Amino acid sequence: MHADILNSPARRFPGTDMPVTLMLALIAAGLPRTVLADLGIVAPESSLLYDVLALAPFAAWVVVALVRGTRRPFLDFLVLGALYGLSLLIVHQILWDVGPSLGHSPPESALAFAARFDPAWQELALRAYTSGIAMMIGLGSGAAVGVVAWCAQAWRRLRRGGRPAR
């Protein structure tokens, strides 16, 4: 029988109801924008291509949130968001000194934060700040889509007459 990638009980990601393959695919969908922007191949907020690369992964998250039944919809997407944030953090740190990446052009807010530290600690402060931003982006995105998933789950439950998800 054909296994449904969206609802397969086999090989769930730890702490979630989401299959490992689905979790990894949703994380991987966001990596091209991060890598291409960090390498300066696609400038942030510069083109339709950038917009598609930035928004399509989250659109996929929302589609999954709307169509996939789960026992813990918010937690599934919060974990997804945490892992996505971690992927951003890792890519930014690996590519820190490559091309026009964050190491060469950190955000003004990161520079202002790092300026509060002794010069010997400023790069660490920059890296910590940008890492914190990456994690907040991931967790915030996961929480927002988790709310969508929770609402979709509640709607499905109401339509079934209050019976719980499978």
C-alpha atoms as a PDB file:
ATOM      1  CA  MET A   1       0.000   0.000   0.000  1.00  0.00           C
ATOM      2  CA  HIS A   2       1.200   3.529  -0.812  1.00  0.00           C
ATOM      3  CA  ALA A   3       2.468   5.407   2.271  1.00  0.00           C
ATOM      4  CA  ASP A   4       1.074   8.944   2.618  1.00  0.00           C
ATOM      5  CA  ILE A   5       4.067  11.208   3.386  1.00  0.00           C
ATOM      6  CA  LEU A   6       1.830  13.723   5.147  1.00  0.00           C
ATOM      7  CA  ASN A   7       0.273  11.294   7.630  1.00  0.00           C
ATOM      8  CA  SER A   8       2.485   8.206   7.774  1.00  0.00           C
ATOM      9  CA  PRO A   9       2.910   6.948  11.350  1.00  0.00           C
ATOM     10  CA  ALA A  10       6.266   5.429  10.427  1.00  0.00           C
ATOM     11  CA  ARG A  11       9.443   7.237  11.412  1.00  0.00           C
ATOM     12  CA  ARG A  12       8.070  10.290  13.167  1.00  0.00           C
ATOM     13  CA  PHE A  13      10.445  13.109  14.043  1.00  0.00           C
ATOM     14  CA  PRO A  14      11.182  12.961  17.800  1.00  0.00           C
ATOM     15  CA  GLY A  15       8.687  14.915  19.888  1.00  0.00           C
ATOM     16  CA  THR A  16       6.272  15.426  16.999  1.00  0.00           C
ATOM     17  CA  ASP A  17       3.662  13.662  14.904  1.00  0.00           C
ATOM     18  CA  MET A  18       5.453  14.758  11.730  1.00  0.00           C
ATOM     19  CA  PRO A  19       7.287  12.169   9.621  1.00  0.00           C
ATOM     20  CA  VAL A  20      11.063  12.689   9.478  1.00  0.00           C
ATOM     21  CA  THR A  21      11.047  12.999   5.680  1.00  0.00           C
ATOM     22  CA  LEU A  22       8.378  15.706   5.751  1.00  0.00           C
ATOM     23  CA  MET A  23      10.164  17.610   8.526  1.00  0.00           C
ATOM     24  CA  LEU A  24      13.479  17.528   6.668  1.00  0.00           C
ATOM     25  CA  ALA A  25      11.858  18.507   3.356  1.00  0.00           C
ATOM     26  CA  LEU A  26      10.155  21.533   4.947  1.00  0.00           C
ATOM     27  CA  ILE A  27      13.448  22.626   6.539  1.00  0.00           C
ATOM     28  CA  ALA A  28      15.397  22.088   3.317  1.00  0.00           C
ATOM     29  CA  ALA A  29      12.892  24.169   1.341  1.00  0.00           C
ATOM     30  CA  GLY A  30      14.159  27.303   3.102  1.00  0.00           C
ATOM     31  CA  LEU A  31      17.859  26.678   2.598  1.00  0.00           C
ATOM     32  CA  PRO A  32      18.281  27.862  -1.019  1.00  0.00           C
ATOM     33  CA  ARG A  33      17.277  31.442  -0.150  1.00  0.00           C
ATOM     34  CA  THR A  34      19.593  31.510   2.843  1.00  0.00           C
ATOM     35  CA  VAL A  35      22.596  30.132   0.948  1.00  0.00           C
ATOM     36  CA  LEU A  36      22.051  32.233  -2.183  1.00  0.00           C
ATOM     37  CA  ALA A  37      21.548  35.424  -0.174  1.00  0.00           C
ATOM     38  CA  ASP A  38      24.587  34.767   2.029  1.00  0.00           C
ATOM     39  CA  LEU A  39      26.735  34.159  -1.052  1.00  0.00           C
ATOM     40  CA  GLY A  40      25.438  37.340  -2.688  1.00  0.00           C
ATOM     41  CA  ILE A  41      23.982  35.459  -5.654  1.00  0.00           C
ATOM     42  CA  VAL A  42      20.466  36.722  -4.926  1.00  0.00           C
ATOM     43  CA  ALA A  43      20.335  40.015  -3.055  1.00  0.00           C
ATOM     44  CA  PRO A  44      17.785  40.175  -0.227  1.00  0.00           C
ATOM     45  CA  GLU A  45      14.469  41.749  -1.193  1.00  0.00           C
ATOM     46  CA  SER A  46      15.757  42.494  -4.686  1.00  0.00           C
ATOM     47  CA  SER A  47      13.712  40.455  -7.118  1.00  0.00           C
ATOM     48  CA  LEU A  48      10.817  38.159  -7.783  1.00  0.00           C
ATOM     49  CA  LEU A  49      13.229  35.222  -7.488  1.00  0.00           C
ATOM     50  CA  TYR A  50      14.197  36.279  -3.983  1.00  0.00           C
ATOM     51  CA  ASP A  51      10.542  36.696  -3.013  1.00  0.00           C
ATOM     52  CA  VAL A  52       9.687  33.213  -4.305  1.00  0.00           C
ATOM     53  CA  LEU A  53      12.679  31.685  -2.524  1.00  0.00           C
ATOM     54  CA  ALA A  54      11.738  33.485   0.689  1.00  0.00           C
ATOM     55  CA  LEU A  55       7.970  32.884   0.692  1.00  0.00           C
ATOM     56  CA  ALA A  56       7.457  29.509  -1.033  1.00  0.00           C
ATOM     57  CA  PRO A  57       8.829  27.462   1.899  1.00  0.00           C
ATOM     58  CA  PHE A  58       6.416  29.135   4.319  1.00  0.00           C
ATOM     59  CA  ALA A  59       3.566  28.652   1.858  1.00  0.00           C
ATOM     60  CA  ALA A  60       4.429  24.931   1.888  1.00  0.00           C
ATOM     61  CA  TRP A  61       4.376  24.995   5.706  1.00  0.00           C
ATOM     62  CA  VAL A  62       0.909  26.573   5.651  1.00  0.00           C
ATOM     63  CA  VAL A  63      -0.381  24.029   3.122  1.00  0.00           C
ATOM     64  CA  VAL A  64       0.876  21.190   5.340  1.00  0.00           C
ATOM     65  CA  ALA A  65      -0.675  22.890   8.382  1.00  0.00           C
ATOM     66  CA  LEU A  66      -4.028  23.133   6.631  1.00  0.00           C
ATOM     67  CA  VAL A  67      -4.251  19.623   5.174  1.00  0.00           C
ATOM     68  CA  ARG A  68      -2.376  17.413   7.618  1.00  0.00           C
ATOM     69  CA  GLY A  69      -4.079  15.979  10.676  1.00  0.00           C
ATOM     70  CA  THR A  70      -2.023  15.630  13.850  1.00  0.00           C
ATOM     71  CA  ARG A  71      -2.517  15.196  17.579  1.00  0.00           C
ATOM     72  CA  ARG A  72      -0.244  18.140  18.414  1.00  0.00           C
ATOM     73  CA  PRO A  73      -0.344  20.674  15.582  1.00  0.00           C
ATOM     74  CA  PHE A  74       1.279  23.582  17.421  1.00  0.00           C
ATOM     75  CA  LEU A  75       4.182  21.490  18.750  1.00  0.00           C
ATOM     76  CA  ASP A  76       4.871  19.979  15.325  1.00  0.00           C
ATOM     77  CA  PHE A  77       5.392  23.402  13.790  1.00  0.00           C
ATOM     78  CA  LEU A  78       7.211  24.840  16.786  1.00  0.00           C
ATOM     79  CA  VAL A  79       9.767  22.028  16.479  1.00  0.00           C
ATOM     80  CA  LEU A  80       9.902  22.627  12.717  1.00  0.00           C
ATOM     81  CA  GLY A  81      10.523  26.322  13.349  1.00  0.00           C
ATOM     82  CA  ALA A  82      13.261  25.603  15.881  1.00  0.00           C
ATOM     83  CA  LEU A  83      15.004  23.312  13.407  1.00  0.00           C
ATOM     84  CA  TYR A  84      14.579  25.841  10.610  1.00  0.00           C
ATOM     85  CA  GLY A  85      16.095  28.533  12.847  1.00  0.00           C
ATOM     86  CA  LEU A  86      18.973  26.185  13.621  1.00  0.00           C
ATOM     87  CA  SER A  87      19.500  25.608   9.884  1.00  0.00           C
ATOM     88  CA  LEU A  88      19.640  29.390   9.342  1.00  0.00           C
ATOM     89  CA  LEU A  89      22.107  29.751  12.197  1.00  0.00           C
ATOM     90  CA  ILE A  90      24.367  26.997  10.816  1.00  0.00           C
ATOM     91  CA  VAL A  91      24.342  28.338   7.251  1.00  0.00           C
ATOM     92  CA  HIS A  92      25.046  31.900   8.411  1.00  0.00           C
ATOM     93  CA  GLN A  93      27.946  30.738  10.590  1.00  0.00           C
ATOM     94  CA  ILE A  94      29.466  28.493   7.906  1.00  0.00           C
ATOM     95  CA  LEU A  95      29.256  31.265   5.303  1.00  0.00           C
ATOM     96  CA  TRP A  96      30.114  34.079   7.756  1.00  0.00           C
ATOM     97  CA  ASP A  97      33.266  35.200   5.949  1.00  0.00           C
ATOM     98  CA  VAL A  98      32.281  34.237   2.391  1.00  0.00           C
ATOM     99  CA  GLY A  99      31.316  36.916  -0.113  1.00  0.00           C
ATOM    100  CA  PRO A 100      28.905  39.595   1.089  1.00  0.00           C
ATOM    101  CA  SER A 101      27.535  37.383   3.867  1.00  0.00           C
ATOM    102  CA  LEU A 102      26.614  38.459   7.393  1.00  0.00           C
ATOM    103  CA  GLY A 103      30.248  38.592   8.437  1.00  0.00           C
ATOM    104  CA  HIS A 104      30.898  41.335   5.900  1.00  0.00           C
ATOM    105  CA  SER A 105      27.613  43.184   6.153  1.00  0.00           C
ATOM    106  CA  PRO A 106      25.826  42.490   9.437  1.00  0.00           C
ATOM    107  CA  PRO A 107      22.577  44.308  10.177  1.00  0.00           C
ATOM    108  CA  GLU A 108      22.846  47.749  11.790  1.00  0.00           C
ATOM    109  CA  SER A 109      21.133  46.435  14.922  1.00  0.00           C
ATOM    110  CA  ALA A 110      23.818  43.728  15.254  1.00  0.00           C
ATOM    111  CA  LEU A 111      26.566  46.324  14.870  1.00  0.00           C
ATOM    112  CA  ALA A 112      24.966  48.533  17.532  1.00  0.00           C
ATOM    113  CA  PHE A 113      24.709  45.539  19.864  1.00  0.00           C
ATOM    114  CA  ALA A 114      28.341  44.517  19.282  1.00  0.00           C
ATOM    115  CA  ALA A 115      29.558  48.095  19.834  1.00  0.00           C
ATOM    116  CA  ARG A 116      28.626  47.701  23.504  1.00  0.00           C
ATOM    117  CA  PHE A 117      31.396  45.125  23.930  1.00  0.00           C
ATOM    118  CA  ASP A 118      35.151  45.277  24.144  1.00  0.00           C
ATOM    119  CA  PRO A 119      36.684  45.001  20.626  1.00  0.00           C
ATOM    120  CA  ALA A 120      38.016  41.527  21.458  1.00  0.00           C
ATOM    121  CA  TRP A 121      34.431  40.325  21.984  1.00  0.00           C
ATOM    122  CA  GLN A 122      32.681  42.176  19.153  1.00  0.00           C
ATOM    123  CA  GLU A 123      32.769  39.393  16.563  1.00  0.00           C
ATOM    124  CA  LEU A 124      31.413  36.925  19.089  1.00  0.00           C
ATOM    125  CA  ALA A 125      28.672  39.431  19.951  1.00  0.00           C
ATOM    126  CA  LEU A 126      27.832  39.858  16.245  1.00  0.00           C
ATOM    127  CA  ARG A 127      27.644  36.109  15.737  1.00  0.00           C
ATOM    128  CA  ALA A 128      25.554  35.621  18.869  1.00  0.00           C
ATOM    129  CA  TYR A 129      23.171  38.411  17.878  1.00  0.00           C
ATOM    130  CA  THR A 130      22.649  37.113  14.352  1.00  0.00           C
ATOM    131  CA  SER A 131      22.254  33.579  15.727  1.00  0.00           C
ATOM    132  CA  GLY A 132      19.581  34.816  18.103  1.00  0.00           C
ATOM    133  CA  ILE A 133      17.783  36.530  15.222  1.00  0.00           C
ATOM    134  CA  ALA A 134      17.917  33.311  13.169  1.00  0.00           C
ATOM    135  CA  MET A 135      16.394  31.350  16.048  1.00  0.00           C
ATOM    136  CA  MET A 136      13.697  33.996  16.612  1.00  0.00           C
ATOM    137  CA  ILE A 137      12.809  33.884  12.906  1.00  0.00           C
ATOM    138  CA  GLY A 138      12.547  30.097  13.043  1.00  0.00           C
ATOM    139  CA  LEU A 139      10.607  29.919  16.302  1.00  0.00           C
ATOM    140  CA  GLY A 140       8.332  32.805  15.336  1.00  0.00           C
ATOM    141  CA  SER A 141       7.578  31.254  11.961  1.00  0.00           C
ATOM    142  CA  GLY A 142       6.962  27.875  13.546  1.00  0.00           C
ATOM    143  CA  ALA A 143       4.664  29.365  16.186  1.00  0.00           C
ATOM    144  CA  ALA A 144       2.680  31.363  13.609  1.00  0.00           C
ATOM    145  CA  VAL A 145       2.160  28.353  11.359  1.00  0.00           C
ATOM    146  CA  GLY A 146       1.516  26.238  14.461  1.00  0.00           C
ATOM    147  CA  VAL A 147      -1.431  28.491  15.282  1.00  0.00           C
ATOM    148  CA  VAL A 148      -2.703  27.999  11.713  1.00  0.00           C
ATOM    149  CA  ALA A 149      -2.304  24.220  12.123  1.00  0.00           C
ATOM    150  CA  TRP A 150      -4.076  24.291  15.491  1.00  0.00           C
ATOM    151  CA  CYS A 151      -6.978  26.284  14.007  1.00  0.00           C
ATOM    152  CA  ALA A 152      -7.195  23.908  11.033  1.00  0.00           C
ATOM    153  CA  GLN A 153      -7.197  20.954  13.424  1.00  0.00           C
ATOM    154  CA  ALA A 154      -9.957  22.545  15.526  1.00  0.00           C
ATOM    155  CA  TRP A 155     -11.993  23.217  12.368  1.00  0.00           C
ATOM    156  CA  ARG A 156     -11.631  19.601  11.218  1.00  0.00           C
ATOM    157  CA  ARG A 157     -12.635  18.379  14.681  1.00  0.00           C
ATOM    158  CA  LEU A 158     -15.757  20.588  14.652  1.00  0.00           C
ATOM    159  CA  ARG A 159     -16.722  19.305  11.214  1.00  0.00           C
ATOM    160  CA  ARG A 160     -16.363  15.701  12.452  1.00  0.00           C
ATOM    161  CA  GLY A 161     -18.543  16.405  15.451  1.00  0.00           C
ATOM    162  CA  GLY A 162     -15.750  16.678  18.035  1.00  0.00           C
ATOM    163  CA  ARG A 163     -13.994  13.366  17.363  1.00  0.00           C
ATOM    164  CA  PRO A 164     -10.194  13.582  17.853  1.00  0.00           C
ATOM    165  CA  ALA A 165      -7.689  13.320  15.016  1.00  0.00           C
ATOM    166  CA  ARG A 166      -6.380   9.898  14.101  1.00  0.00           C
END
